């Protein structure tokens, strides 16, 4: 386990502890790390259920560490117009 993975595990453990204390809920850390759909769904549920700033910070931190960042391109990757003309 490298340093980055170790820190992600620590943050996830803090999330689990804070979640239990704040909302009396739990989260499956194995699924959180291995199932992106579970992670997305569960982190969204937690985010919607709380106003606790510490818990929200942990959710954002875990999301940034575990979930791939998707960025929409500003322009289409391929230009299918004749001769690549723009406009």
C-alpha atoms as a PDB file:
ATOM      1  CA  UNK A   1       0.000   0.000   0.000  1.00  0.00           C
ATOM      2  CA  UNK A   2       1.498   3.300  -1.064  1.00  0.00           C
ATOM      3  CA  UNK A   3       1.232   6.566   0.856  1.00  0.00           C
ATOM      4  CA  UNK A   4      -1.676   7.848  -1.255  1.00  0.00           C
ATOM      5  CA  UNK A   5      -3.713   4.675  -0.653  1.00  0.00           C
ATOM      6  CA  UNK A   6      -2.922   4.796   3.057  1.00  0.00           C
ATOM      7  CA  UNK A   7      -4.147   8.388   3.331  1.00  0.00           C
ATOM      8  CA  UNK A   8      -7.333   7.505   1.403  1.00  0.00           C
ATOM      9  CA  UNK A   9      -7.945   4.676   3.895  1.00  0.00           C
ATOM     10  CA  UNK A  10      -7.441   7.051   6.835  1.00  0.00           C
ATOM     11  CA  UNK A  11      -9.867   9.600   5.408  1.00  0.00           C
ATOM     12  CA  UNK A  12     -12.432   6.864   4.712  1.00  0.00           C
ATOM     13  CA  UNK A  13     -12.085   5.604   8.293  1.00  0.00           C
ATOM     14  CA  UNK A  14     -12.673   9.146   9.600  1.00  0.00           C
ATOM     15  CA  UNK A  15     -15.735   9.363   7.339  1.00  0.00           C
ATOM     16  CA  UNK A  16     -17.089   6.119   8.788  1.00  0.00           C
ATOM     17  CA  UNK A  17     -16.546   7.306  12.378  1.00  0.00           C
ATOM     18  CA  UNK A  18     -18.046  10.747  11.746  1.00  0.00           C
ATOM     19  CA  UNK A  19     -20.994   9.238   9.869  1.00  0.00           C
ATOM     20  CA  UNK A  20     -21.782   6.960  12.809  1.00  0.00           C
ATOM     21  CA  UNK A  21     -21.544   9.840  15.301  1.00  0.00           C
ATOM     22  CA  UNK A  22     -23.477  12.367  13.220  1.00  0.00           C
ATOM     23  CA  UNK A  23     -26.211  10.382  11.461  1.00  0.00           C
ATOM     24  CA  UNK A  24     -26.034   7.016  13.248  1.00  0.00           C
ATOM     25  CA  UNK A  25     -25.353   5.382   9.886  1.00  0.00           C
ATOM     26  CA  UNK A  26     -22.570   3.207   8.567  1.00  0.00           C
ATOM     27  CA  UNK A  27     -20.746   2.768   5.287  1.00  0.00           C
ATOM     28  CA  UNK A  28     -19.098  -0.342   3.860  1.00  0.00           C
ATOM     29  CA  UNK A  29     -15.470   0.613   3.292  1.00  0.00           C
ATOM     30  CA  UNK A  30     -14.740  -2.418   1.110  1.00  0.00           C
ATOM     31  CA  UNK A  31     -17.565  -1.452  -1.249  1.00  0.00           C
ATOM     32  CA  UNK A  32     -16.588   2.211  -1.033  1.00  0.00           C
ATOM     33  CA  UNK A  33     -13.116   1.389  -2.391  1.00  0.00           C
ATOM     34  CA  UNK A  34     -14.140  -1.303  -4.875  1.00  0.00           C
ATOM     35  CA  UNK A  35     -17.562  -0.350  -6.254  1.00  0.00           C
ATOM     36  CA  UNK A  36     -17.750   3.123  -7.834  1.00  0.00           C
ATOM     37  CA  UNK A  37     -21.545   2.939  -8.168  1.00  0.00           C
ATOM     38  CA  UNK A  38     -21.904   2.220  -4.449  1.00  0.00           C
ATOM     39  CA  UNK A  39     -19.451   5.001  -3.620  1.00  0.00           C
ATOM     40  CA  UNK A  40     -21.273   7.557  -5.761  1.00  0.00           C
ATOM     41  CA  UNK A  41     -24.700   6.585  -4.424  1.00  0.00           C
ATOM     42  CA  UNK A  42     -23.673   6.396  -0.777  1.00  0.00           C
ATOM     43  CA  UNK A  43     -21.655   9.624  -0.777  1.00  0.00           C
ATOM     44  CA  UNK A  44     -24.571  11.443  -2.431  1.00  0.00           C
ATOM     45  CA  UNK A  45     -26.964  10.066   0.215  1.00  0.00           C
ATOM     46  CA  UNK A  46     -24.703  11.251   3.016  1.00  0.00           C
ATOM     47  CA  UNK A  47     -24.273  14.656   1.415  1.00  0.00           C
ATOM     48  CA  UNK A  48     -28.048  15.090   1.166  1.00  0.00           C
ATOM     49  CA  UNK A  49     -28.689  13.883   4.721  1.00  0.00           C
ATOM     50  CA  UNK A  50     -26.341  16.177   6.634  1.00  0.00           C
ATOM     51  CA  UNK A  51     -25.490  19.800   7.223  1.00  0.00           C
ATOM     52  CA  UNK A  52     -22.489  18.914   9.407  1.00  0.00           C
ATOM     53  CA  UNK A  53     -19.497  20.716   7.947  1.00  0.00           C
ATOM     54  CA  UNK A  54     -16.920  18.142   9.070  1.00  0.00           C
ATOM     55  CA  UNK A  55     -18.913  15.292   7.523  1.00  0.00           C
ATOM     56  CA  UNK A  56     -19.393  17.227   4.281  1.00  0.00           C
ATOM     57  CA  UNK A  57     -15.636  17.921   4.120  1.00  0.00           C
ATOM     58  CA  UNK A  58     -14.927  14.212   4.571  1.00  0.00           C
ATOM     59  CA  UNK A  59     -17.419  13.284   1.842  1.00  0.00           C
ATOM     60  CA  UNK A  60     -15.747  15.736  -0.545  1.00  0.00           C
ATOM     61  CA  UNK A  61     -12.285  14.450   0.387  1.00  0.00           C
ATOM     62  CA  UNK A  62     -13.249  10.788  -0.099  1.00  0.00           C
ATOM     63  CA  UNK A  63     -14.971  11.591  -3.385  1.00  0.00           C
ATOM     64  CA  UNK A  64     -11.871  13.389  -4.677  1.00  0.00           C
ATOM     65  CA  UNK A  65      -9.575  10.528  -3.664  1.00  0.00           C
ATOM     66  CA  UNK A  66     -11.656   7.555  -4.807  1.00  0.00           C
ATOM     67  CA  UNK A  67     -13.780   8.595  -7.751  1.00  0.00           C
ATOM     68  CA  UNK A  68     -12.416   9.434 -11.172  1.00  0.00           C
ATOM     69  CA  UNK A  69     -12.813  13.045 -12.136  1.00  0.00           C
ATOM     70  CA  UNK A  70     -14.761  13.472 -15.346  1.00  0.00           C
ATOM     71  CA  UNK A  71     -14.311  16.697 -17.230  1.00  0.00           C
ATOM     72  CA  UNK A  72     -16.448  17.616 -20.196  1.00  0.00           C
ATOM     73  CA  UNK A  73     -14.359  18.858 -23.120  1.00  0.00           C
ATOM     74  CA  UNK A  74     -14.885  22.461 -24.196  1.00  0.00           C
ATOM     75  CA  UNK A  75     -15.098  21.451 -27.841  1.00  0.00           C
ATOM     76  CA  UNK A  76     -15.968  18.200 -29.587  1.00  0.00           C
ATOM     77  CA  UNK A  77     -13.043  15.827 -29.959  1.00  0.00           C
ATOM     78  CA  UNK A  78     -13.755  15.290 -33.651  1.00  0.00           C
ATOM     79  CA  UNK A  79     -15.089  17.793 -36.128  1.00  0.00           C
ATOM     80  CA  UNK A  80     -17.412  15.958 -38.522  1.00  0.00           C
ATOM     81  CA  UNK A  81     -18.235  18.998 -40.642  1.00  0.00           C
ATOM     82  CA  UNK A  82     -16.917  18.992 -44.206  1.00  0.00           C
ATOM     83  CA  UNK A  83     -13.254  19.948 -44.337  1.00  0.00           C
ATOM     84  CA  UNK A  84     -13.260  20.653 -40.578  1.00  0.00           C
ATOM     85  CA  UNK A  85     -14.743  24.120 -41.056  1.00  0.00           C
ATOM     86  CA  UNK A  86     -15.802  25.873 -37.892  1.00  0.00           C
ATOM     87  CA  UNK A  87     -18.719  28.246 -37.561  1.00  0.00           C
END
